[in-house]
Amino acid sequence: MIRDNKPGTSQVQQPTAPVPAQTFRFSTPVVPTPAVFVIGGWIARFVGFLVRLPFRFPVLVASLAGSAAVAYWFGWGPLVVVLVLAGASLAGWWWRWRTSFRRLVGLRVLGAWRWVWVYHRHWQPVLVVAGLAESYLERQYLPRIRRVTCSDWSDRVRVKLVAGTSPADFEERVVELAHGFGAPSCRVTVRGPRDIVLEFPRRDMLADTIGAMPVPADVDLKALPMGTCEDGSPWLLRLHGTHVLTVGVTGAGKGSVIWSAVRAMMPAIEAGTVRVWAVDPKRMELSYGRTLFARYADDGEAAVELLERAVAAMQDRAARYAGKQRAHIPTVDDPFLVIVVDEVAFLTAYHPDRDVRRRAENALATLTSQGRSVGVAVLAALQDPRKEVLNLRNLFPDKIALRLDEASQVDMVLGEGARDRGANAHLIDPDLPGVAFVRLEGSSIPVRVRAAYVSDEDITAMATDMEGVA
């Protein structure tokens, strides 16, 4: 503090109060690493790379070693001849047997290239920014790429996790990983302890509309052809012995799922071993092929009566089966009964009559809880998956999520953790109706599929054929 005195006197400054003693901080001393150790580490890593190279790229290393041996023992002329013959052989193989060439040569070369150029080159920065790098004692630890394989549509990166981490860490970062490696999406598959596979699609196999699937000659009710999976394989839907809930906003393609299932069962419907009962509150989707259904209802009271008739038929069948048989085999006398309910929320939440809502919910609960073993299945379609609309979601073992409005709805439909495993149904392009994620009973991995589009002409032809049989 400074005080002003009288003129001619000196200024007196009071001493500053002492600063309180601070806590001592101990830090690890930094010792410069001798250059010989740094260079030795580089050499050791390079030698390790050379040792691992034949195991990672055996064909490439064998080819280079063989070429060097030919050049050393016979000279450059024979080497050129050998290379020309090898190139001609590969060209002939590609021209004559393209499928096997692509599988055994093309995809292997592509996998090696993408391992080096895409994943190994960007591995550290992507994982560090995504928060998947671990640190211990000022040293960084990264999951290690074990192998990269390519299919016709995707890259599969097999990864060894750092001890102490879990696959859930990667499942929570699928969006960051997909953007980091320039892929449309990313899915995580657990193979074992500290062993996972990251699947990155290179292109969208479901971008093109799929026409109506051919009507099968023999109907397999546990593998109905519905469309195509993301890997190009057929999407086969099980209906016998389960119940299926399909959820999606308006225009997402719920009709494609329903009509593809009906189309796949056409021979059995014509033979009488399968009967379809339909509930169509909107009177638009299912009414177009009304002659295909053994029973049809399009208003609240009639729909509830249809469901209650199904319950009565189910209970009668169960009484006849009691103590005699445990599994249902479709016959003309005891056909497989499929209850198709379009916009089930109309019956469970939106109908103005409370008694109708109560009866409908009771009937659906009875059918979905008791109908599987006696040959009764419910195929229901819904727009809003909230519990206030349908609190019976857990009674449907198999679920299909078409395009949804919100991210939170994905887990509502497919179960907890589905969105973390890559089922981004809320991000499906509106221009891709029929694209969906399917989660089956007993599997936690959602599969991306696209249902075939059954046109009005296809439905008319099916109805005409059914009238001819009748």
Protein backbone atom coordinates (compact mmCIF):
# COMPACT_ATOMS: atom_id res chain seq x y z
CA MET A 1 0.00 0.00 0.00
CA ILE A 2 1.32 3.47 -0.91
CA ARG A 3 0.62 6.51 1.27
CA ASP A 4 1.07 10.14 0.21
CA ASN A 5 3.00 12.23 2.78
CA LYS A 6 3.43 15.95 3.06
CA PRO A 7 5.41 17.84 0.39
CA GLY A 8 9.09 17.21 0.72
CA THR A 9 8.75 13.92 2.49
CA SER A 10 9.43 10.53 0.90
CA GLN A 11 6.74 8.00 0.13
CA VAL A 12 6.59 4.93 2.29
CA GLN A 13 5.41 1.62 0.76
CA GLN A 14 4.24 -1.05 3.10
CA PRO A 15 5.72 -4.47 2.42
CA THR A 16 3.50 -6.90 0.49
CA ALA A 17 2.02 -9.73 2.54
CA PRO A 18 3.92 -12.98 1.95
CA VAL A 19 2.40 -15.46 -0.46
CA PRO A 20 1.22 -18.64 1.33
CA ALA A 21 3.40 -21.61 0.66
CA GLN A 22 2.12 -23.73 -2.23
CA THR A 23 1.81 -27.51 -2.21
CA PHE A 24 4.81 -29.26 -3.65
CA ARG A 25 4.16 -31.06 -6.94
CA PHE A 26 6.26 -34.00 -7.92
CA SER A 27 6.55 -34.85 -11.61
CA THR A 28 8.21 -37.67 -13.44
CA PRO A 29 11.65 -36.58 -14.60
CA VAL A 30 12.10 -36.42 -18.37
CA VAL A 31 15.16 -38.33 -19.45
CA PRO A 32 16.20 -38.01 -23.10
CA THR A 33 16.21 -41.37 -24.85
CA PRO A 34 19.58 -42.17 -26.43
CA ALA A 35 19.49 -42.22 -30.20
CA VAL A 36 20.72 -45.80 -30.30
CA PHE A 37 17.58 -47.01 -28.54
CA VAL A 38 15.31 -44.99 -30.86
CA ILE A 39 17.02 -46.38 -33.95
CA GLY A 40 16.97 -49.86 -32.45
CA GLY A 41 13.23 -49.59 -31.91
CA TRP A 42 12.71 -48.58 -35.52
CA ILE A 43 14.78 -51.49 -36.74
CA ALA A 44 12.90 -53.93 -34.48
CA ARG A 45 9.53 -52.72 -35.77
CA PHE A 46 10.74 -53.00 -39.37
CA VAL A 47 12.01 -56.54 -38.82
CA GLY A 48 8.72 -57.46 -37.17
CA PHE A 49 6.87 -56.06 -40.19
CA LEU A 50 9.00 -58.16 -42.56
CA VAL A 51 8.37 -61.29 -40.46
CA ARG A 52 4.59 -60.73 -40.42
CA LEU A 53 4.38 -59.78 -44.09
CA PRO A 54 4.36 -63.37 -45.51
CA PHE A 55 1.54 -64.31 -43.14
CA ARG A 56 -0.57 -61.27 -43.98
CA PHE A 57 0.05 -61.24 -47.75
CA PRO A 58 1.31 -64.73 -48.66
CA VAL A 59 0.45 -64.59 -52.37
CA LEU A 60 2.10 -61.20 -52.86
CA VAL A 61 5.25 -62.21 -51.02
CA ALA A 62 5.45 -65.55 -52.84
CA SER A 63 5.02 -63.81 -56.20
CA LEU A 64 7.76 -61.27 -55.49
CA ALA A 65 10.08 -63.95 -54.14
CA GLY A 66 9.48 -66.18 -57.16
CA SER A 67 10.08 -63.29 -59.56
CA ALA A 68 13.32 -62.38 -57.81
CA ALA A 69 14.48 -66.03 -57.92
CA VAL A 70 13.75 -66.32 -61.66
CA ALA A 71 15.57 -63.05 -62.37
CA TYR A 72 18.56 -64.11 -60.28
CA TRP A 73 18.95 -67.62 -61.68
CA PHE A 74 17.80 -67.22 -65.29
CA GLY A 75 17.97 -63.50 -66.03
CA TRP A 76 15.51 -60.81 -67.02
CA GLY A 77 14.41 -62.38 -70.29
CA PRO A 78 12.87 -65.52 -68.78
CA LEU A 79 11.33 -63.36 -66.05
CA VAL A 80 9.50 -61.30 -68.66
CA VAL A 81 8.27 -64.50 -70.33
CA VAL A 82 7.02 -65.87 -67.01
CA LEU A 83 5.24 -62.60 -66.21
CA VAL A 84 3.58 -62.51 -69.64
CA LEU A 85 2.39 -66.11 -69.29
CA ALA A 86 1.10 -65.44 -65.78
CA GLY A 87 -0.73 -62.33 -66.97
CA ALA A 88 -2.26 -64.22 -69.91
CA SER A 89 -3.37 -67.02 -67.58
CA LEU A 90 -5.02 -64.56 -65.24
CA ALA A 91 -6.71 -62.80 -68.16
CA GLY A 92 -8.03 -66.11 -69.46
CA TRP A 93 -9.24 -67.06 -66.00
CA TRP A 94 -11.04 -63.72 -65.69
CA TRP A 95 -12.58 -64.06 -69.13
CA ARG A 96 -13.76 -67.67 -68.74
CA TRP A 97 -14.60 -67.99 -65.02
CA ARG A 98 -15.27 -64.50 -63.76
CA THR A 99 -17.11 -65.54 -60.60
CA SER A 100 -14.29 -67.70 -59.26
CA PHE A 101 -11.67 -65.14 -60.37
CA ARG A 102 -13.44 -62.40 -58.49
CA ARG A 103 -13.81 -64.54 -55.37
CA LEU A 104 -10.29 -65.97 -55.29
CA VAL A 105 -8.28 -63.12 -56.80
CA GLY A 106 -10.19 -59.88 -57.21
CA LEU A 107 -11.68 -59.65 -53.73
CA ARG A 108 -8.42 -60.74 -52.09
CA VAL A 109 -6.48 -58.04 -53.90
CA LEU A 110 -9.17 -55.51 -53.05
CA GLY A 111 -9.02 -56.55 -49.39
CA ALA A 112 -5.24 -56.10 -49.26
CA TRP A 113 -5.51 -52.71 -50.95
CA ARG A 114 -8.21 -51.41 -48.64
CA TRP A 115 -6.35 -52.75 -45.60
CA VAL A 116 -3.30 -50.66 -46.49
CA TRP A 117 -4.83 -47.62 -48.15
CA VAL A 118 -8.09 -47.10 -46.21
CA TYR A 119 -8.02 -48.73 -42.81
CA HIS A 120 -4.36 -48.92 -41.77
CA ARG A 121 -3.67 -45.40 -43.05
CA HIS A 122 -6.59 -43.80 -41.20
CA TRP A 123 -6.84 -46.19 -38.26
CA GLN A 124 -5.10 -44.13 -35.59
CA PRO A 125 -6.63 -40.70 -36.32
CA VAL A 126 -10.17 -42.09 -36.68
CA LEU A 127 -10.02 -44.09 -33.46
CA VAL A 128 -8.37 -41.28 -31.48
CA VAL A 129 -10.96 -38.70 -32.60
CA ALA A 130 -13.79 -41.20 -31.97
CA GLY A 131 -12.54 -41.78 -28.43
CA LEU A 132 -11.61 -45.44 -28.92
CA ALA A 133 -7.92 -45.07 -28.10
CA GLU A 134 -6.86 -45.91 -24.53
CA SER A 135 -3.99 -44.38 -22.53
CA TYR A 136 -2.01 -45.85 -19.66
CA LEU A 137 1.12 -44.35 -18.08
CA GLU A 138 1.31 -41.73 -20.83
CA ARG A 139 1.30 -44.42 -23.51
CA GLN A 140 -1.42 -44.83 -26.11
CA TYR A 141 -2.98 -48.23 -26.88
CA LEU A 142 -5.03 -48.89 -30.02
CA PRO A 143 -7.13 -51.89 -31.05
CA ARG A 144 -5.25 -53.82 -33.71
CA ILE A 145 -6.47 -54.76 -37.18
CA ARG A 146 -6.12 -58.50 -37.59
CA ARG A 147 -7.55 -58.94 -41.05
CA VAL A 148 -9.54 -57.20 -43.79
CA THR A 149 -11.71 -59.24 -46.14
CA CYS A 150 -13.99 -57.98 -48.90
CA SER A 151 -17.26 -59.28 -50.25
CA ASP A 152 -19.16 -58.01 -53.24
CA TRP A 153 -20.73 -55.28 -51.17
CA SER A 154 -18.80 -54.68 -47.94
CA ASP A 155 -15.49 -54.71 -46.07
CA ARG A 156 -15.14 -56.83 -42.93
CA VAL A 157 -12.43 -55.55 -40.60
CA ARG A 158 -11.52 -58.03 -37.90
CA VAL A 159 -10.22 -56.21 -34.82
CA LYS A 160 -8.45 -57.32 -31.65
CA LEU A 161 -9.57 -55.14 -28.75
CA VAL A 162 -7.36 -53.62 -26.12
CA ALA A 163 -7.55 -55.48 -22.81
CA GLY A 164 -10.06 -53.78 -20.54
CA THR A 165 -12.32 -52.51 -23.35
CA SER A 166 -15.56 -54.03 -24.60
CA PRO A 167 -17.45 -54.33 -27.91
CA ALA A 168 -20.00 -51.88 -26.51
CA ASP A 169 -17.41 -49.12 -26.88
CA PHE A 170 -17.42 -49.70 -30.64
CA GLU A 171 -21.20 -50.18 -30.81
CA GLU A 172 -21.63 -46.70 -29.35
CA ARG A 173 -19.34 -45.21 -32.03
CA VAL A 174 -20.71 -46.80 -35.20
CA VAL A 175 -21.70 -43.44 -36.69
CA GLU A 176 -18.24 -41.96 -36.08
CA LEU A 177 -16.56 -45.05 -37.54
CA ALA A 178 -18.77 -45.04 -40.64
CA HIS A 179 -18.05 -41.39 -41.39
CA GLY A 180 -14.38 -41.80 -40.49
CA PHE A 181 -13.83 -44.51 -43.09
CA GLY A 182 -16.24 -43.09 -45.66
CA ALA A 183 -18.86 -45.85 -45.44
CA PRO A 184 -22.68 -45.56 -45.48
CA SER A 185 -22.93 -47.41 -42.17
CA CYS A 186 -21.07 -49.66 -39.75
CA ARG A 187 -22.14 -52.78 -37.88
CA VAL A 188 -20.36 -54.58 -35.08
CA THR A 189 -20.31 -58.37 -34.71
CA VAL A 190 -18.77 -60.07 -31.68
CA ARG A 191 -16.79 -63.22 -32.51
CA GLY A 192 -15.29 -63.92 -29.10
CA PRO A 193 -13.30 -62.37 -26.25
CA ARG A 194 -11.52 -59.26 -27.52
CA ASP A 195 -12.47 -60.28 -31.06
CA ILE A 196 -14.95 -58.25 -33.11
CA VAL A 197 -15.70 -57.60 -36.76
CA LEU A 198 -16.55 -54.16 -38.15
CA GLU A 199 -18.60 -54.36 -41.33
CA PHE A 200 -18.49 -51.34 -43.65
CA PRO A 201 -20.72 -51.45 -46.78
CA ARG A 202 -19.01 -50.06 -49.88
CA ARG A 203 -22.27 -49.52 -51.75
CA ASP A 204 -25.98 -49.83 -51.14
CA MET A 205 -27.18 -53.16 -52.51
CA LEU A 206 -30.78 -52.15 -51.77
CA ALA A 207 -30.87 -48.90 -53.73
CA ASP A 208 -32.91 -50.34 -56.61
CA THR A 209 -36.56 -51.32 -56.37
CA ILE A 210 -37.14 -55.06 -56.21
CA GLY A 211 -39.98 -56.45 -58.28
CA ALA A 212 -42.47 -58.96 -56.88
CA MET A 213 -40.79 -62.24 -56.00
CA PRO A 214 -41.76 -65.28 -58.07
CA VAL A 215 -44.52 -67.37 -56.53
CA PRO A 216 -42.76 -70.45 -55.13
CA ALA A 217 -43.77 -73.90 -56.30
CA ASP A 218 -43.44 -75.31 -52.78
CA VAL A 219 -44.32 -73.14 -49.79
CA ASP A 220 -41.99 -73.18 -46.80
CA LEU A 221 -43.81 -71.32 -44.04
CA LYS A 222 -40.54 -70.95 -42.15
CA ALA A 223 -38.72 -69.37 -45.10
CA LEU A 224 -41.04 -67.22 -47.19
CA PRO A 225 -39.22 -65.26 -49.95
CA MET A 226 -39.83 -61.59 -49.17
CA GLY A 227 -37.07 -59.65 -50.91
CA THR A 228 -33.31 -59.19 -50.61
CA CYS A 229 -30.87 -58.78 -47.74
CA GLU A 230 -28.11 -56.20 -47.83
CA ASP A 231 -25.49 -58.81 -48.72
CA GLY A 232 -27.47 -59.85 -51.80
CA SER A 233 -28.89 -63.05 -50.33
CA PRO A 234 -32.67 -63.68 -50.33
CA TRP A 235 -34.64 -62.35 -47.40
CA LEU A 236 -36.61 -65.30 -46.03
CA LEU A 237 -39.28 -64.63 -43.42
CA ARG A 238 -40.47 -67.19 -40.91
CA LEU A 239 -44.20 -67.01 -40.22
CA HIS A 240 -45.13 -70.46 -38.91
CA GLY A 241 -44.35 -70.65 -35.20
CA THR A 242 -43.95 -66.92 -34.59
CA HIS A 243 -45.63 -63.52 -34.81
CA VAL A 244 -44.33 -60.54 -36.78
CA LEU A 245 -44.73 -56.84 -36.02
CA THR A 246 -44.02 -54.38 -38.84
CA VAL A 247 -43.60 -50.71 -37.92
CA GLY A 248 -43.05 -47.75 -40.23
CA VAL A 249 -44.32 -44.30 -41.07
CA THR A 250 -46.77 -43.68 -43.89
CA GLY A 251 -45.15 -44.57 -47.19
CA ALA A 252 -42.38 -46.64 -45.62
CA GLY A 253 -43.51 -49.86 -47.31
CA LYS A 254 -45.64 -51.78 -44.82
CA GLY A 255 -47.86 -52.91 -47.68
CA SER A 256 -44.84 -54.43 -49.44
CA VAL A 257 -44.15 -56.61 -46.40
CA ILE A 258 -47.76 -57.78 -46.09
CA TRP A 259 -48.31 -58.48 -49.78
CA SER A 260 -44.95 -60.19 -50.21
CA ALA A 261 -45.88 -62.57 -47.38
CA VAL A 262 -49.30 -63.26 -48.92
CA ARG A 263 -47.76 -63.79 -52.36
CA ALA A 264 -45.21 -66.25 -50.95
CA MET A 265 -48.06 -68.32 -49.47
CA MET A 266 -50.26 -68.33 -52.59
CA PRO A 267 -49.90 -72.05 -53.50
CA ALA A 268 -50.75 -73.03 -49.91
CA ILE A 269 -53.69 -70.60 -49.86
CA GLU A 270 -55.01 -72.13 -53.08
CA ALA A 271 -54.50 -75.64 -51.68
CA GLY A 272 -56.37 -74.75 -48.48
CA THR A 273 -53.50 -75.49 -46.06
CA VAL A 274 -53.15 -71.76 -45.27
CA ARG A 275 -55.96 -69.33 -44.56
CA VAL A 276 -55.52 -65.60 -44.20
CA TRP A 277 -57.91 -63.47 -42.15
CA ALA A 278 -57.51 -59.76 -42.78
CA VAL A 279 -58.34 -56.66 -40.77
CA ASP A 280 -58.22 -53.51 -42.90
CA PRO A 281 -59.40 -50.39 -41.01
CA LYS A 282 -58.17 -48.03 -43.74
CA ARG A 283 -60.10 -50.00 -46.40
CA MET A 284 -57.37 -49.21 -48.92
CA GLU A 285 -54.42 -51.58 -48.64
CA LEU A 286 -55.95 -55.03 -48.24
CA SER A 287 -59.30 -54.48 -49.91
CA TYR A 288 -57.59 -54.58 -53.31
CA GLY A 289 -57.12 -58.34 -52.96
CA ARG A 290 -60.13 -59.13 -50.83
CA THR A 291 -60.85 -62.42 -52.57
CA LEU A 292 -57.55 -63.80 -51.27
CA PHE A 293 -58.75 -63.71 -47.66
CA ALA A 294 -60.96 -66.29 -46.02
CA ARG A 295 -62.34 -63.59 -43.70
CA TYR A 296 -62.19 -59.82 -44.03
CA ALA A 297 -63.19 -56.95 -41.70
CA ASP A 298 -62.90 -53.21 -42.25
CA ASP A 299 -64.62 -51.61 -39.23
CA GLY A 300 -64.04 -51.74 -35.49
CA GLU A 301 -66.85 -54.07 -34.44
CA ALA A 302 -66.33 -56.50 -37.32
CA ALA A 303 -62.57 -56.50 -36.70
CA VAL A 304 -63.01 -57.39 -33.02
CA GLU A 305 -65.45 -60.17 -33.92
CA LEU A 306 -62.88 -61.54 -36.41
CA LEU A 307 -60.15 -61.53 -33.76
CA GLU A 308 -62.44 -63.18 -31.20
CA ARG A 309 -63.37 -65.87 -33.77
CA ALA A 310 -59.66 -66.49 -34.26
CA VAL A 311 -59.24 -66.86 -30.50
CA ALA A 312 -62.09 -69.36 -30.37
CA ALA A 313 -60.63 -71.36 -33.27
CA MET A 314 -57.22 -71.34 -31.59
CA GLN A 315 -58.60 -72.55 -28.26
CA ASP A 316 -60.65 -75.27 -29.95
CA ARG A 317 -57.55 -76.49 -31.76
CA ALA A 318 -55.53 -76.41 -28.53
CA ALA A 319 -58.19 -78.49 -26.78
CA ARG A 320 -58.04 -81.10 -29.54
CA TYR A 321 -54.21 -81.17 -29.50
CA ALA A 322 -53.92 -81.47 -25.71
CA GLY A 323 -52.04 -84.66 -24.83
CA LYS A 324 -51.88 -85.77 -28.48
CA GLN A 325 -49.45 -83.52 -30.34
CA ARG A 326 -47.17 -80.60 -29.55
CA ALA A 327 -46.49 -79.16 -32.99
CA HIS A 328 -48.89 -77.98 -35.67
CA ILE A 329 -48.71 -79.44 -39.17
CA PRO A 330 -50.76 -77.50 -41.76
CA THR A 331 -53.53 -79.54 -43.35
CA VAL A 332 -56.80 -78.75 -45.06
CA ASP A 333 -58.69 -79.64 -41.87
CA ASP A 334 -56.29 -77.71 -39.63
CA PRO A 335 -54.82 -75.01 -41.87
CA PHE A 336 -52.17 -72.55 -40.81
CA LEU A 337 -54.13 -69.44 -39.79
CA VAL A 338 -52.55 -66.04 -40.48
CA ILE A 339 -54.21 -62.98 -38.95
CA VAL A 340 -53.15 -59.89 -40.91
CA VAL A 341 -53.94 -56.65 -39.08
CA ASP A 342 -53.18 -53.45 -40.97
CA GLU A 343 -52.85 -50.38 -38.72
CA VAL A 344 -53.40 -52.25 -35.48
CA ALA A 345 -53.34 -48.95 -33.54
CA PHE A 346 -56.86 -48.22 -34.81
CA LEU A 347 -58.14 -51.10 -32.71
CA THR A 348 -55.89 -50.68 -29.65
CA ALA A 349 -55.75 -46.88 -29.27
CA TYR A 350 -57.68 -44.81 -31.80
CA HIS A 351 -61.14 -46.38 -31.92
CA PRO A 352 -63.64 -44.14 -30.07
CA ASP A 353 -65.36 -47.07 -28.34
CA ARG A 354 -63.44 -48.07 -25.21
CA ASP A 355 -65.07 -51.50 -25.14
CA VAL A 356 -63.89 -52.21 -28.70
CA ARG A 357 -60.32 -51.21 -27.76
CA ARG A 358 -60.38 -53.43 -24.68
CA ARG A 359 -61.76 -56.46 -26.55
CA ALA A 360 -59.31 -56.02 -29.41
CA GLU A 361 -56.33 -55.78 -27.07
CA ASN A 362 -57.46 -58.85 -25.12
CA ALA A 363 -57.91 -60.87 -28.32
CA LEU A 364 -54.53 -59.84 -29.71
CA ALA A 365 -52.82 -60.62 -26.41
CA THR A 366 -54.39 -64.09 -26.37
CA LEU A 367 -53.46 -64.84 -29.98
CA THR A 368 -49.84 -63.67 -29.65
CA SER A 369 -49.27 -65.45 -26.35
CA GLN A 370 -50.90 -68.80 -27.16
CA GLY A 371 -51.20 -69.17 -30.92
CA ARG A 372 -47.69 -70.14 -31.99
CA SER A 373 -47.78 -73.81 -31.08
CA VAL A 374 -51.20 -74.49 -32.64
CA GLY A 375 -50.60 -72.87 -36.02
CA VAL A 376 -51.90 -69.33 -35.55
CA ALA A 377 -49.71 -66.34 -36.46
CA VAL A 378 -50.35 -62.61 -36.27
CA LEU A 379 -48.81 -60.30 -38.86
CA ALA A 380 -49.51 -56.76 -37.64
CA ALA A 381 -48.60 -53.38 -39.13
CA LEU A 382 -48.24 -50.18 -37.12
CA GLN A 383 -47.15 -46.56 -37.55
CA ASP A 384 -46.59 -45.41 -33.97
CA PRO A 385 -44.61 -47.85 -31.76
CA ARG A 386 -45.19 -46.14 -28.41
CA LYS A 387 -46.54 -48.24 -25.54
CA GLU A 388 -49.56 -45.96 -25.23
CA VAL A 389 -50.52 -47.12 -28.74
CA LEU A 390 -49.56 -50.80 -28.52
CA ASN A 391 -48.33 -52.28 -25.26
CA LEU A 392 -48.10 -55.79 -26.76
CA ARG A 393 -44.83 -55.25 -28.63
CA ASN A 394 -42.96 -57.81 -26.55
CA LEU A 395 -45.42 -60.53 -27.56
CA PHE A 396 -44.15 -60.34 -31.16
CA PRO A 397 -40.90 -62.36 -31.33
CA ASP A 398 -39.89 -61.06 -34.78
CA LYS A 399 -39.92 -57.36 -35.59
CA ILE A 400 -39.45 -55.31 -38.75
CA ALA A 401 -38.55 -51.62 -38.53
CA LEU A 402 -39.15 -49.69 -41.73
CA ARG A 403 -38.49 -45.95 -41.89
CA LEU A 404 -39.23 -44.35 -38.51
CA ASP A 405 -39.65 -40.76 -37.36
CA GLU A 406 -37.29 -40.65 -34.39
CA ALA A 407 -34.09 -42.35 -33.27
CA SER A 408 -35.67 -43.40 -29.98
CA GLN A 409 -38.29 -45.42 -31.86
CA VAL A 410 -35.65 -47.81 -33.19
CA ASP A 411 -35.08 -49.39 -29.78
CA MET A 412 -38.82 -49.32 -29.12
CA VAL A 413 -39.39 -51.58 -32.12
CA LEU A 414 -36.26 -53.72 -32.36
CA GLY A 415 -35.29 -53.84 -28.70
CA GLU A 416 -32.68 -52.16 -26.55
CA GLY A 417 -29.31 -51.66 -28.20
CA ALA A 418 -30.52 -52.16 -31.79
CA ARG A 419 -29.57 -48.63 -32.84
CA ASP A 420 -26.11 -49.03 -31.31
CA ARG A 421 -25.66 -52.09 -33.51
CA GLY A 422 -26.30 -50.08 -36.67
CA ALA A 423 -30.09 -50.32 -37.10
CA ASN A 424 -30.59 -46.69 -38.06
CA ALA A 425 -34.17 -47.04 -39.25
CA HIS A 426 -34.77 -43.34 -38.60
CA LEU A 427 -32.17 -42.51 -41.27
CA ILE A 428 -33.69 -44.60 -44.08
CA ASP A 429 -34.12 -42.51 -47.21
CA PRO A 430 -37.80 -41.71 -47.91
CA ASP A 431 -37.10 -42.61 -51.55
CA LEU A 432 -36.38 -46.22 -50.52
CA PRO A 433 -39.76 -47.69 -49.50
CA GLY A 434 -39.52 -51.25 -48.34
CA VAL A 435 -36.04 -50.90 -46.83
CA ALA A 436 -36.08 -52.10 -43.24
CA PHE A 437 -34.12 -53.60 -40.39
CA VAL A 438 -35.23 -57.04 -39.17
CA ARG A 439 -34.53 -58.48 -35.76
CA LEU A 440 -35.44 -62.11 -35.24
CA GLU A 441 -36.11 -64.02 -32.07
CA GLY A 442 -32.91 -65.23 -30.44
CA SER A 443 -30.66 -62.84 -32.37
CA SER A 444 -29.43 -59.44 -31.22
CA ILE A 445 -28.07 -58.48 -34.64
CA PRO A 446 -30.44 -56.48 -36.89
CA VAL A 447 -30.30 -57.29 -40.60
CA ARG A 448 -30.94 -54.67 -43.29
CA VAL A 449 -33.35 -55.87 -45.98
CA ARG A 450 -35.66 -54.59 -48.68
CA ALA A 451 -39.11 -56.02 -49.29
CA ALA A 452 -40.19 -56.65 -52.86
CA TYR A 453 -42.75 -54.27 -54.34
CA VAL A 454 -46.00 -56.05 -55.19
CA SER A 455 -47.83 -53.85 -57.68
CA ASP A 456 -51.58 -53.50 -58.19
CA GLU A 457 -51.26 -55.64 -61.31
CA ASP A 458 -49.57 -58.40 -59.29
CA ILE A 459 -52.34 -58.32 -56.68
CA THR A 460 -55.03 -58.40 -59.39
CA ALA A 461 -53.36 -61.41 -61.00
CA MET A 462 -53.21 -63.19 -57.62
CA ALA A 463 -56.87 -62.45 -56.93
CA THR A 464 -57.84 -63.65 -60.42
CA ASP A 465 -55.96 -66.91 -59.93
CA MET A 466 -57.68 -67.40 -56.58
CA GLU A 467 -61.10 -66.85 -58.14
CA GLY A 468 -60.22 -69.48 -60.77
CA VAL A 469 -59.34 -71.98 -58.06
CA ALA A 470 -62.52 -71.22 -56.12
